[in-house]
Amino acid sequence: MSDIIKLALRPNGEAMELQVQVRHPMDAGDPGTEKSVKARAANFLKTIAIQLNEKLLVEGQMGPGMAKDPVLRFSLRAVKAGDKLSVVCTDNKDKAFEAEIVYQPEARKGQ
């Protein structure tokens, strides 16, 4: 499991809610000015891809306007017990961050 990406999967009515939390600075950078001591390079997430059992479900773009450590939520209807969800995010420095979760429904009490 990734220390950068945390995944949570929980029932939400007839669907499943996938919560993706990514620890990332999401820094737009600073080109520096005459008064600045030094410039700061941008460092932000660019893309996200979500796969269900190795089949692409969601592909999206992100940018420096997002908050630090973004939390994204997706409503998925096709998730069944034993299915594997994989998430890959890349940043503007082409560094990839990956995590996966296998859906294991909780046993109901009394069964």
PDB file of N, CA and C in Angstrom:
ATOM      1  N   MET A   1       0.845  -1.183   0.000  1.00  0.00           N
ATOM      2  CA  MET A   1       0.000   0.000   0.000  1.00  0.00           C
ATOM      3  C   MET A   1       0.884   1.237   0.000  1.00  0.00           C
ATOM      4  N   SER A   2       0.449   2.216  -0.732  1.00  0.00           N
ATOM      5  CA  SER A   2       1.193   3.454  -0.865  1.00  0.00           C
ATOM      6  C   SER A   2       1.047   4.324   0.385  1.00  0.00           C
ATOM      7  N   ASP A   3       2.123   4.997   0.770  1.00  0.00           N
ATOM      8  CA  ASP A   3       2.038   5.970   1.856  1.00  0.00           C
ATOM      9  C   ASP A   3       1.558   7.322   1.317  1.00  0.00           C
ATOM     10  N   ILE A   4       1.629   7.494   0.000  1.00  0.00           N
ATOM     11  CA  ILE A   4       1.246   8.749  -0.633  1.00  0.00           C
ATOM     12  C   ILE A   4      -0.251   8.782  -0.917  1.00  0.00           C
ATOM     13  N   ILE A   5      -0.803   7.674  -1.412  1.00  0.00           N
ATOM     14  CA  ILE A   5      -2.223   7.596  -1.748  1.00  0.00           C
ATOM     15  C   ILE A   5      -2.925   6.678  -0.763  1.00  0.00           C
ATOM     16  N   LYS A   6      -4.000   7.182  -0.176  1.00  0.00           N
ATOM     17  CA  LYS A   6      -4.845   6.387   0.717  1.00  0.00           C
ATOM     18  C   LYS A   6      -6.195   6.195   0.025  1.00  0.00           C
ATOM     19  N   LEU A   7      -6.671   4.943   0.011  1.00  0.00           N
ATOM     20  CA  LEU A   7      -7.942   4.620  -0.622  1.00  0.00           C
ATOM     21  C   LEU A   7      -8.925   4.105   0.409  1.00  0.00           C
ATOM     22  N   ALA A   8     -10.180   4.475   0.238  1.00  0.00           N
ATOM     23  CA  ALA A   8     -11.264   3.949   1.069  1.00  0.00           C
ATOM     24  C   ALA A   8     -12.421   3.632   0.133  1.00  0.00           C
ATOM     25  N   LEU A   9     -13.066   2.504   0.382  1.00  0.00           N
ATOM     26  CA  LEU A   9     -14.181   2.059  -0.456  1.00  0.00           C
ATOM     27  C   LEU A   9     -15.322   1.699   0.474  1.00  0.00           C
ATOM     28  N   ARG A  10     -16.469   2.344   0.277  1.00  0.00           N
ATOM     29  CA  ARG A  10     -17.601   2.074   1.168  1.00  0.00           C
ATOM     30  C   ARG A  10     -18.907   2.155   0.390  1.00  0.00           C
ATOM     31  N   PRO A  11     -19.905   1.380   0.833  1.00  0.00           N
ATOM     32  CA  PRO A  11     -21.215   1.425   0.180  1.00  0.00           C
ATOM     33  C   PRO A  11     -21.837   2.815   0.312  1.00  0.00           C
ATOM     34  N   ASN A  12     -22.545   3.219  -0.744  1.00  0.00           N
ATOM     35  CA  ASN A  12     -23.245   4.497  -0.751  1.00  0.00           C
ATOM     36  C   ASN A  12     -24.525   4.308  -1.565  1.00  0.00           C
ATOM     37  N   GLY A  13     -25.562   3.823  -0.903  1.00  0.00           N
ATOM     38  CA  GLY A  13     -26.801   3.514  -1.616  1.00  0.00           C
ATOM     39  C   GLY A  13     -26.589   2.310  -2.522  1.00  0.00           C
ATOM     40  N   GLU A  14     -26.941   2.438  -3.789  1.00  0.00           N
ATOM     41  CA  GLU A  14     -26.767   1.350  -4.752  1.00  0.00           C
ATOM     42  C   GLU A  14     -25.362   1.307  -5.339  1.00  0.00           C
ATOM     43  N   ALA A  15     -24.547   2.278  -5.016  1.00  0.00           N
ATOM     44  CA  ALA A  15     -23.193   2.361  -5.573  1.00  0.00           C
ATOM     45  C   ALA A  15     -22.149   2.187  -4.469  1.00  0.00           C
ATOM     46  N   MET A  16     -20.906   2.234  -4.855  1.00  0.00           N
ATOM     47  CA  MET A  16     -19.778   2.246  -3.928  1.00  0.00           C
ATOM     48  C   MET A  16     -19.088   3.595  -4.090  1.00  0.00           C
ATOM     49  N   GLU A  17     -18.656   4.175  -2.972  1.00  0.00           N
ATOM     50  CA  GLU A  17     -17.912   5.420  -3.032  1.00  0.00           C
ATOM     51  C   GLU A  17     -16.431   5.116  -2.840  1.00  0.00           C
ATOM     52  N   LEU A  18     -15.636   5.519  -3.821  1.00  0.00           N
ATOM     53  CA  LEU A  18     -14.183   5.405  -3.721  1.00  0.00           C
ATOM     54  C   LEU A  18     -13.652   6.770  -3.329  1.00  0.00           C
ATOM     55  N   GLN A  19     -12.955   6.821  -2.191  1.00  0.00           N
ATOM     56  CA  GLN A  19     -12.312   8.058  -1.752  1.00  0.00           C
ATOM     57  C   GLN A  19     -10.817   7.916  -1.963  1.00  0.00           C
ATOM     58  N   VAL A  20     -10.237   8.887  -2.653  1.00  0.00           N
ATOM     59  CA  VAL A  20      -8.811   8.900  -2.951  1.00  0.00           C
ATOM     60  C   VAL A  20      -8.209  10.126  -2.281  1.00  0.00           C
ATOM     61  N   GLN A  21      -7.290   9.898  -1.347  1.00  0.00           N
ATOM     62  CA  GLN A  21      -6.592  11.002  -0.692  1.00  0.00           C
ATOM     63  C   GLN A  21      -5.126  10.900  -1.087  1.00  0.00           C
ATOM     64  N   VAL A  22      -4.599  11.987  -1.649  1.00  0.00           N
ATOM     65  CA  VAL A  22      -3.220  11.999  -2.127  1.00  0.00           C
ATOM     66  C   VAL A  22      -2.429  13.027  -1.328  1.00  0.00           C
ATOM     67  N   ARG A  23      -1.380  12.549  -0.650  1.00  0.00           N
ATOM     68  CA  ARG A  23      -0.484  13.470   0.067  1.00  0.00           C
ATOM     69  C   ARG A  23       0.460  14.086  -0.955  1.00  0.00           C
ATOM     70  N   HIS A  24       0.229  15.346  -1.275  1.00  0.00           N
ATOM     71  CA  HIS A  24       1.050  16.023  -2.277  1.00  0.00           C
ATOM     72  C   HIS A  24       0.975  17.528  -2.020  1.00  0.00           C
ATOM     73  N   PRO A  25       2.079  18.259  -2.195  1.00  0.00           N
ATOM     74  CA  PRO A  25       2.078  19.688  -1.875  1.00  0.00           C
ATOM     75  C   PRO A  25       1.215  20.544  -2.813  1.00  0.00           C
ATOM     76  N   MET A  26       0.985  20.114  -4.039  1.00  0.00           N
ATOM     77  CA  MET A  26       0.183  20.861  -5.004  1.00  0.00           C
ATOM     78  C   MET A  26       0.629  22.332  -5.045  1.00  0.00           C
ATOM     79  N   ASP A  27       1.898  22.545  -5.298  1.00  0.00           N
ATOM     80  CA  ASP A  27       2.516  23.871  -5.277  1.00  0.00           C
ATOM     81  C   ASP A  27       2.613  24.421  -6.704  1.00  0.00           C
ATOM     82  N   ALA A  28       2.015  25.579  -6.937  1.00  0.00           N
ATOM     83  CA  ALA A  28       2.051  26.214  -8.259  1.00  0.00           C
ATOM     84  C   ALA A  28       3.428  26.796  -8.568  1.00  0.00           C
ATOM     85  N   GLY A  29       4.264  26.906  -7.559  1.00  0.00           N
ATOM     86  CA  GLY A  29       5.606  27.451  -7.755  1.00  0.00           C
ATOM     87  C   GLY A  29       5.618  28.967  -7.714  1.00  0.00           C
ATOM     88  N   ASP A  30       6.801  29.526  -7.844  1.00  0.00           N
ATOM     89  CA  ASP A  30       6.992  30.974  -7.837  1.00  0.00           C
ATOM     90  C   ASP A  30       8.200  31.264  -8.717  1.00  0.00           C
ATOM     91  N   PRO A  31       8.004  32.032  -9.793  1.00  0.00           N
ATOM     92  CA  PRO A  31       9.143  32.290 -10.686  1.00  0.00           C
ATOM     93  C   PRO A  31      10.194  33.193 -10.069  1.00  0.00           C
ATOM     94  N   GLY A  32       9.881  33.803  -8.936  1.00  0.00           N
ATOM     95  CA  GLY A  32      10.829  34.705  -8.294  1.00  0.00           C
ATOM     96  C   GLY A  32      10.701  36.111  -8.868  1.00  0.00           C
ATOM     97  N   THR A  33      11.110  37.074  -8.110  1.00  0.00           N
ATOM     98  CA  THR A  33      11.115  38.473  -8.544  1.00  0.00           C
ATOM     99  C   THR A  33      12.404  39.094  -8.042  1.00  0.00           C
ATOM    100  N   GLU A  34      12.562  40.352  -8.323  1.00  0.00           N
ATOM    101  CA  GLU A  34      13.756  41.038  -7.825  1.00  0.00           C
ATOM    102  C   GLU A  34      13.826  40.990  -6.299  1.00  0.00           C
ATOM    103  N   LYS A  35      12.668  41.023  -5.639  1.00  0.00           N
ATOM    104  CA  LYS A  35      12.640  41.021  -4.174  1.00  0.00           C
ATOM    105  C   LYS A  35      12.717  39.608  -3.596  1.00  0.00           C
ATOM    106  N   SER A  36      12.388  38.583  -4.407  1.00  0.00           N
ATOM    107  CA  SER A  36      12.436  37.207  -3.911  1.00  0.00           C
ATOM    108  C   SER A  36      13.874  36.743  -3.799  1.00  0.00           C
ATOM    109  N   VAL A  37      14.144  35.986  -2.764  1.00  0.00           N
ATOM    110  CA  VAL A  37      15.482  35.443  -2.589  1.00  0.00           C
ATOM    111  C   VAL A  37      15.752  34.362  -3.638  1.00  0.00           C
ATOM    112  N   LYS A  38      14.781  33.438  -3.822  1.00  0.00           N
ATOM    113  CA  LYS A  38      14.979  32.429  -4.861  1.00  0.00           C
ATOM    114  C   LYS A  38      13.629  31.952  -5.392  1.00  0.00           C
ATOM    115  N   ALA A  39      13.642  31.492  -6.612  1.00  0.00           N
ATOM    116  CA  ALA A  39      12.431  30.968  -7.238  1.00  0.00           C
ATOM    117  C   ALA A  39      12.113  29.590  -6.655  1.00  0.00           C
ATOM    118  N   ARG A  40      10.835  29.205  -6.767  1.00  0.00           N
ATOM    119  CA  ARG A  40      10.398  27.899  -6.284  1.00  0.00           C
ATOM    120  C   ARG A  40       9.736  27.175  -7.442  1.00  0.00           C
ATOM    121  N   ALA A  41      10.220  25.976  -7.731  1.00  0.00           N
ATOM    122  CA  ALA A  41       9.679  25.195  -8.846  1.00  0.00           C
ATOM    123  C   ALA A  41       8.281  24.680  -8.523  1.00  0.00           C
ATOM    124  N   ALA A  42       7.458  24.590  -9.553  1.00  0.00           N
ATOM    125  CA  ALA A  42       6.103  24.043  -9.388  1.00  0.00           C
ATOM    126  C   ALA A  42       6.192  22.549  -9.095  1.00  0.00           C
ATOM    127  N   ASN A  43       5.227  22.053  -8.328  1.00  0.00           N
ATOM    128  CA  ASN A  43       5.161  20.627  -7.993  1.00  0.00           C
ATOM    129  C   ASN A  43       3.694  20.301  -7.728  1.00  0.00           C
ATOM    130  N   PHE A  44       3.007  19.763  -8.753  1.00  0.00           N
ATOM    131  CA  PHE A  44       1.579  19.486  -8.632  1.00  0.00           C
ATOM    132  C   PHE A  44       1.209  18.219  -9.397  1.00  0.00           C
ATOM    133  N   LEU A  45       0.084  17.631  -9.005  1.00  0.00           N
ATOM    134  CA  LEU A  45      -0.420  16.443  -9.693  1.00  0.00           C
ATOM    135  C   LEU A  45      -0.988  16.849 -11.047  1.00  0.00           C
ATOM    136  N   LYS A  46      -0.698  16.039 -12.070  1.00  0.00           N
ATOM    137  CA  LYS A  46      -1.167  16.307 -13.429  1.00  0.00           C
ATOM    138  C   LYS A  46      -2.301  15.382 -13.844  1.00  0.00           C
ATOM    139  N   THR A  47      -2.177  14.098 -13.515  1.00  0.00           N
ATOM    140  CA  THR A  47      -3.165  13.139 -14.002  1.00  0.00           C
ATOM    141  C   THR A  47      -3.582  12.159 -12.914  1.00  0.00           C
ATOM    142  N   ILE A  48      -4.761  11.575 -13.121  1.00  0.00           N
ATOM    143  CA  ILE A  48      -5.238  10.485 -12.289  1.00  0.00           C
ATOM    144  C   ILE A  48      -5.885   9.465 -13.216  1.00  0.00           C
ATOM    145  N   ALA A  49      -5.658   8.193 -12.917  1.00  0.00           N
ATOM    146  CA  ALA A  49      -6.298   7.106 -13.656  1.00  0.00           C
ATOM    147  C   ALA A  49      -6.791   6.079 -12.636  1.00  0.00           C
ATOM    148  N   ILE A  50      -8.022   5.632 -12.821  1.00  0.00           N
ATOM    149  CA  ILE A  50      -8.603   4.622 -11.948  1.00  0.00           C
ATOM    150  C   ILE A  50      -8.991   3.428 -12.800  1.00  0.00           C
ATOM    151  N   GLN A  51      -8.540   2.247 -12.368  1.00  0.00           N
ATOM    152  CA  GLN A  51      -8.859   1.006 -13.070  1.00  0.00           C
ATOM    153  C   GLN A  51      -9.627   0.071 -12.148  1.00  0.00           C
ATOM    154  N   LEU A  52     -10.575  -0.667 -12.739  1.00  0.00           N
ATOM    155  CA  LEU A  52     -11.305  -1.718 -12.051  1.00  0.00           C
ATOM    156  C   LEU A  52     -10.921  -3.023 -12.724  1.00  0.00           C
ATOM    157  N   ASN A  53     -10.243  -3.905 -11.974  1.00  0.00           N
ATOM    158  CA  ASN A  53      -9.768  -5.180 -12.531  1.00  0.00           C
ATOM    159  C   ASN A  53      -8.999  -4.967 -13.832  1.00  0.00           C
ATOM    160  N   GLU A  54      -8.106  -3.967 -13.823  1.00  0.00           N
ATOM    161  CA  GLU A  54      -7.208  -3.623 -14.924  1.00  0.00           C
ATOM    162  C   GLU A  54      -7.919  -3.047 -16.150  1.00  0.00           C
ATOM    163  N   LYS A  55      -9.160  -2.610 -15.987  1.00  0.00           N
ATOM    164  CA  LYS A  55      -9.899  -1.941 -17.053  1.00  0.00           C
ATOM    165  C   LYS A  55     -10.071  -0.484 -16.655  1.00  0.00           C
ATOM    166  N   LEU A  56      -9.678   0.435 -17.538  1.00  0.00           N
ATOM    167  CA  LEU A  56      -9.731   1.859 -17.245  1.00  0.00           C
ATOM    168  C   LEU A  56     -11.176   2.327 -17.047  1.00  0.00           C
ATOM    169  N   LEU A  57     -11.441   2.957 -15.903  1.00  0.00           N
ATOM    170  CA  LEU A  57     -12.758   3.520 -15.601  1.00  0.00           C
ATOM    171  C   LEU A  57     -12.762   5.038 -15.717  1.00  0.00           C
ATOM    172  N   VAL A  58     -11.731   5.668 -15.148  1.00  0.00           N
ATOM    173  CA  VAL A  58     -11.657   7.128 -15.071  1.00  0.00           C
ATOM    174  C   VAL A  58     -10.251   7.569 -15.436  1.00  0.00           C
ATOM    175  N   GLU A  59     -10.185   8.609 -16.238  1.00  0.00           N
ATOM    176  CA  GLU A  59      -8.899   9.230 -16.540  1.00  0.00           C
ATOM    177  C   GLU A  59      -9.132  10.735 -16.502  1.00  0.00           C
ATOM    178  N   GLY A  60      -8.348  11.446 -15.716  1.00  0.00           N
ATOM    179  CA  GLY A  60      -8.572  12.874 -15.577  1.00  0.00           C
ATOM    180  C   GLY A  60      -7.299  13.664 -15.444  1.00  0.00           C
ATOM    181  N   GLN A  61      -7.449  14.975 -15.591  1.00  0.00           N
ATOM    182  CA  GLN A  61      -6.329  15.890 -15.451  1.00  0.00           C
ATOM    183  C   GLN A  61      -6.537  16.759 -14.220  1.00  0.00           C
ATOM    184  N   MET A  62      -5.440  17.086 -13.567  1.00  0.00           N
ATOM    185  CA  MET A  62      -5.460  17.975 -12.408  1.00  0.00           C
ATOM    186  C   MET A  62      -4.467  19.100 -12.670  1.00  0.00           C
ATOM    187  N   GLY A  63      -4.383  20.036 -11.764  1.00  0.00           N
ATOM    188  CA  GLY A  63      -3.460  21.142 -11.957  1.00  0.00           C
ATOM    189  C   GLY A  63      -3.112  21.824 -10.656  1.00  0.00           C
ATOM    190  N   PRO A  64      -2.303  22.890 -10.739  1.00  0.00           N
ATOM    191  CA  PRO A  64      -1.802  23.555  -9.537  1.00  0.00           C
ATOM    192  C   PRO A  64      -2.871  24.296  -8.752  1.00  0.00           C
ATOM    193  N   GLY A  65      -4.051  24.453  -9.295  1.00  0.00           N
ATOM    194  CA  GLY A  65      -5.117  25.159  -8.591  1.00  0.00           C
ATOM    195  C   GLY A  65      -5.794  24.340  -7.511  1.00  0.00           C
ATOM    196  N   MET A  66      -5.478  23.053  -7.438  1.00  0.00           N
ATOM    197  CA  MET A  66      -6.076  22.196  -6.412  1.00  0.00           C
ATOM    198  C   MET A  66      -5.377  22.399  -5.071  1.00  0.00           C
ATOM    199  N   ALA A  67      -6.113  22.125  -4.007  1.00  0.00           N
ATOM    200  CA  ALA A  67      -5.572  22.280  -2.656  1.00  0.00           C
ATOM    201  C   ALA A  67      -4.499  21.223  -2.366  1.00  0.00           C
ATOM    202  N   LYS A  68      -3.654  21.537  -1.404  1.00  0.00           N
ATOM    203  CA  LYS A  68      -2.660  20.588  -0.910  1.00  0.00           C
ATOM    204  C   LYS A  68      -3.379  19.335  -0.398  1.00  0.00           C
ATOM    205  N   ASP A  69      -2.787  18.166  -0.615  1.00  0.00           N
ATOM    206  CA  ASP A  69      -3.330  16.885  -0.156  1.00  0.00           C
ATOM    207  C   ASP A  69      -4.787  16.699  -0.598  1.00  0.00           C
ATOM    208  N   PRO A  70      -5.047  16.716  -1.900  1.00  0.00           N
ATOM    209  CA  PRO A  70      -6.428  16.652  -2.370  1.00  0.00           C
ATOM    210  C   PRO A  70      -7.129  15.340  -2.009  1.00  0.00           C
ATOM    211  N   VAL A  71      -8.445  15.451  -1.804  1.00  0.00           N
ATOM    212  CA  VAL A  71      -9.310  14.298  -1.564  1.00  0.00           C
ATOM    213  C   VAL A  71     -10.353  14.296  -2.679  1.00  0.00           C
ATOM    214  N   LEU A  72     -10.427  13.185  -3.405  1.00  0.00           N
ATOM    215  CA  LEU A  72     -11.363  13.043  -4.517  1.00  0.00           C
ATOM    216  C   LEU A  72     -12.304  11.891  -4.208  1.00  0.00           C
ATOM    217  N   ARG A  73     -13.561  12.023  -4.625  1.00  0.00           N
ATOM    218  CA  ARG A  73     -14.540  10.955  -4.400  1.00  0.00           C
ATOM    219  C   ARG A  73     -15.196  10.596  -5.724  1.00  0.00           C
ATOM    220  N   PHE A  74     -15.377   9.292  -5.920  1.00  0.00           N
ATOM    221  CA  PHE A  74     -15.994   8.777  -7.136  1.00  0.00           C
ATOM    222  C   PHE A  74     -17.084   7.792  -6.747  1.00  0.00           C
ATOM    223  N   SER A  75     -18.219   7.867  -7.426  1.00  0.00           N
ATOM    224  CA  SER A  75     -19.310   6.928  -7.203  1.00  0.00           C
ATOM    225  C   SER A  75     -19.234   5.864  -8.295  1.00  0.00           C
ATOM    226  N   LEU A  76     -19.095   4.608  -7.879  1.00  0.00           N
ATOM    227  CA  LEU A  76     -18.918   3.496  -8.822  1.00  0.00           C
ATOM    228  C   LEU A  76     -20.020   2.469  -8.606  1.00  0.00           C
ATOM    229  N   ARG A  77     -20.670   2.033  -9.680  1.00  0.00           N
ATOM    230  CA  ARG A  77     -21.758   1.066  -9.568  1.00  0.00           C
ATOM    231  C   ARG A  77     -21.332  -0.357  -9.896  1.00  0.00           C
ATOM    232  N   ALA A  78     -20.204  -0.548 -10.518  1.00  0.00           N
ATOM    233  CA  ALA A  78     -19.831  -1.869 -11.031  1.00  0.00           C
ATOM    234  C   ALA A  78     -18.958  -2.686 -10.076  1.00  0.00           C
ATOM    235  N   VAL A  79     -18.746  -2.245  -8.852  1.00  0.00           N
ATOM    236  CA  VAL A  79     -17.820  -2.914  -7.939  1.00  0.00           C
ATOM    237  C   VAL A  79     -18.516  -4.074  -7.222  1.00  0.00           C
ATOM    238  N   LYS A  80     -17.858  -5.240  -7.273  1.00  0.00           N
ATOM    239  CA  LYS A  80     -18.369  -6.450  -6.596  1.00  0.00           C
ATOM    240  C   LYS A  80     -17.281  -7.003  -5.675  1.00  0.00           C
ATOM    241  N   ALA A  81     -17.676  -7.885  -4.775  1.00  0.00           N
ATOM    242  CA  ALA A  81     -16.714  -8.506  -3.858  1.00  0.00           C
ATOM    243  C   ALA A  81     -15.559  -9.123  -4.635  1.00  0.00           C
ATOM    244  N   GLY A  82     -14.339  -8.867  -4.183  1.00  0.00           N
ATOM    245  CA  GLY A  82     -13.136  -9.411  -4.813  1.00  0.00           C
ATOM    246  C   GLY A  82     -12.565  -8.545  -5.928  1.00  0.00           C
ATOM    247  N   ASP A  83     -13.286  -7.508  -6.340  1.00  0.00           N
ATOM    248  CA  ASP A  83     -12.788  -6.626  -7.402  1.00  0.00           C
ATOM    249  C   ASP A  83     -11.624  -5.779  -6.887  1.00  0.00           C
ATOM    250  N   LYS A  84     -10.673  -5.508  -7.780  1.00  0.00           N
ATOM    251  CA  LYS A  84      -9.506  -4.694  -7.436  1.00  0.00           C
ATOM    252  C   LYS A  84      -9.596  -3.341  -8.128  1.00  0.00           C
ATOM    253  N   LEU A  85      -9.493  -2.283  -7.332  1.00  0.00           N
ATOM    254  CA  LEU A  85      -9.424  -0.916  -7.848  1.00  0.00           C
ATOM    255  C   LEU A  85      -7.998  -0.421  -7.714  1.00  0.00           C
ATOM    256  N   SER A  86      -7.467   0.129  -8.795  1.00  0.00           N
ATOM    257  CA  SER A  86      -6.116   0.670  -8.805  1.00  0.00           C
ATOM    258  C   SER A  86      -6.172   2.146  -9.165  1.00  0.00           C
ATOM    259  N   VAL A  87      -5.352   2.946  -8.487  1.00  0.00           N
ATOM    260  CA  VAL A  87      -5.286   4.385  -8.746  1.00  0.00           C
ATOM    261  C   VAL A  87      -3.833   4.750  -9.015  1.00  0.00           C
ATOM    262  N   VAL A  88      -3.612   5.504 -10.090  1.00  0.00           N
ATOM    263  CA  VAL A  88      -2.281   6.005 -10.416  1.00  0.00           C
ATOM    264  C   VAL A  88      -2.386   7.499 -10.658  1.00  0.00           C
ATOM    265  N   CYS A  89      -1.566   8.271  -9.957  1.00  0.00           N
ATOM    266  CA  CYS A  89      -1.466   9.711 -10.167  1.00  0.00           C
ATOM    267  C   CYS A  89      -0.044  10.027 -10.616  1.00  0.00           C
ATOM    268  N   THR A  90       0.089  10.984 -11.513  1.00  0.00           N
ATOM    269  CA  THR A  90       1.420  11.451 -11.914  1.00  0.00           C
ATOM    270  C   THR A  90       1.490  12.948 -11.671  1.00  0.00           C
ATOM    271  N   ASP A  91       2.705  13.424 -11.362  1.00  0.00           N
ATOM    272  CA  ASP A  91       2.858  14.855 -11.149  1.00  0.00           C
ATOM    273  C   ASP A  91       3.593  15.496 -12.321  1.00  0.00           C
ATOM    274  N   ASN A  92       3.783  16.799 -12.255  1.00  0.00           N
ATOM    275  CA  ASN A  92       4.410  17.530 -13.357  1.00  0.00           C
ATOM    276  C   ASN A  92       5.894  17.213 -13.503  1.00  0.00           C
ATOM    277  N   LYS A  93       6.437  16.445 -12.581  1.00  0.00           N
ATOM    278  CA  LYS A  93       7.831  16.003 -12.685  1.00  0.00           C
ATOM    279  C   LYS A  93       7.890  14.552 -13.171  1.00  0.00           C
ATOM    280  N   ASP A  94       6.749  14.039 -13.660  1.00  0.00           N
ATOM    281  CA  ASP A  94       6.589  12.671 -14.182  1.00  0.00           C
ATOM    282  C   ASP A  94       6.841  11.588 -13.134  1.00  0.00           C
ATOM    283  N   LYS A  95       6.642  11.913 -11.882  1.00  0.00           N
ATOM    284  CA  LYS A  95       6.723  10.916 -10.821  1.00  0.00           C
ATOM    285  C   LYS A  95       5.333  10.297 -10.660  1.00  0.00           C
ATOM    286  N   ALA A  96       5.282   8.970 -10.587  1.00  0.00           N
ATOM    287  CA  ALA A  96       4.003   8.266 -10.468  1.00  0.00           C
ATOM    288  C   ALA A  96       3.801   7.769  -9.043  1.00  0.00           C
ATOM    289  N   PHE A  97       2.549   7.829  -8.597  1.00  0.00           N
ATOM    290  CA  PHE A  97       2.149   7.349  -7.281  1.00  0.00           C
ATOM    291  C   PHE A  97       1.004   6.368  -7.500  1.00  0.00           C
ATOM    292  N   GLU A  98       1.092   5.185  -6.878  1.00  0.00           N
ATOM    293  CA  GLU A  98       0.107   4.138  -7.120  1.00  0.00           C
ATOM    294  C   GLU A  98      -0.414   3.557  -5.813  1.00  0.00           C
ATOM    295  N   ALA A  99      -1.674   3.104  -5.866  1.00  0.00           N
ATOM    296  CA  ALA A  99      -2.267   2.386  -4.741  1.00  0.00           C
ATOM    297  C   ALA A  99      -3.383   1.505  -5.287  1.00  0.00           C
ATOM    298  N   GLU A 100      -3.709   0.459  -4.533  1.00  0.00           N
ATOM    299  CA  GLU A 100      -4.819  -0.400  -4.938  1.00  0.00           C
ATOM    300  C   GLU A 100      -5.565  -0.889  -3.699  1.00  0.00           C
ATOM    301  N   ILE A 101      -6.812  -1.281  -3.931  1.00  0.00           N
ATOM    302  CA  ILE A 101      -7.658  -1.797  -2.867  1.00  0.00           C
ATOM    303  C   ILE A 101      -8.536  -2.893  -3.467  1.00  0.00           C
ATOM    304  N   VAL A 102      -8.734  -3.950  -2.709  1.00  0.00           N
ATOM    305  CA  VAL A 102      -9.625  -5.038  -3.120  1.00  0.00           C
ATOM    306  C   VAL A 102     -10.872  -4.936  -2.258  1.00  0.00           C
ATOM    307  N   TYR A 103     -12.032  -4.936  -2.910  1.00  0.00           N
ATOM    308  CA  TYR A 103     -13.283  -4.798  -2.170  1.00  0.00           C
ATOM    309  C   TYR A 103     -13.636  -6.103  -1.486  1.00  0.00           C
ATOM    310  N   GLN A 104     -13.694  -6.039  -0.168  1.00  0.00           N
ATOM    311  CA  GLN A 104     -14.105  -7.174   0.681  1.00  0.00           C
ATOM    312  C   GLN A 104     -15.265  -6.691   1.540  1.00  0.00           C
ATOM    313  N   PRO A 105     -16.500  -7.019   1.173  1.00  0.00           N
ATOM    314  CA  PRO A 105     -17.621  -6.549   1.990  1.00  0.00           C
ATOM    315  C   PRO A 105     -17.551  -7.151   3.387  1.00  0.00           C
ATOM    316  N   GLU A 106     -17.967  -6.372   4.367  1.00  0.00           N
ATOM    317  CA  GLU A 106     -17.971  -6.842   5.743  1.00  0.00           C
ATOM    318  C   GLU A 106     -19.103  -7.861   5.914  1.00  0.00           C
ATOM    319  N   ALA A 107     -18.828  -8.900   6.691  1.00  0.00           N
ATOM    320  CA  ALA A 107     -19.859  -9.895   6.972  1.00  0.00           C
ATOM    321  C   ALA A 107     -20.922  -9.261   7.862  1.00  0.00           C
ATOM    322  N   ARG A 108     -22.176  -9.551   7.598  1.00  0.00           N
ATOM    323  CA  ARG A 108     -23.262  -9.001   8.413  1.00  0.00           C
ATOM    324  C   ARG A 108     -23.323  -9.751   9.734  1.00  0.00           C
ATOM    325  N   LYS A 109     -23.697  -9.034  10.763  1.00  0.00           N
ATOM    326  CA  LYS A 109     -23.803  -9.647  12.092  1.00  0.00           C
ATOM    327  C   LYS A 109     -24.882 -10.721  12.069  1.00  0.00           C
ATOM    328  N   GLY A 110     -24.582 -11.846  12.720  1.00  0.00           N
ATOM    329  CA  GLY A 110     -25.535 -12.931  12.807  1.00  0.00           C
ATOM    330  C   GLY A 110     -25.424 -13.937  11.661  1.00  0.00           C
ATOM    331  N   GLN A 111     -24.472 -13.716  10.747  1.00  0.00           N
ATOM    332  CA  GLN A 111     -24.294 -14.656   9.637  1.00  0.00           C
ATOM    333  C   GLN A 111     -23.015 -15.426   9.792  1.00  0.00           C
TER     334      GLN A 111
END
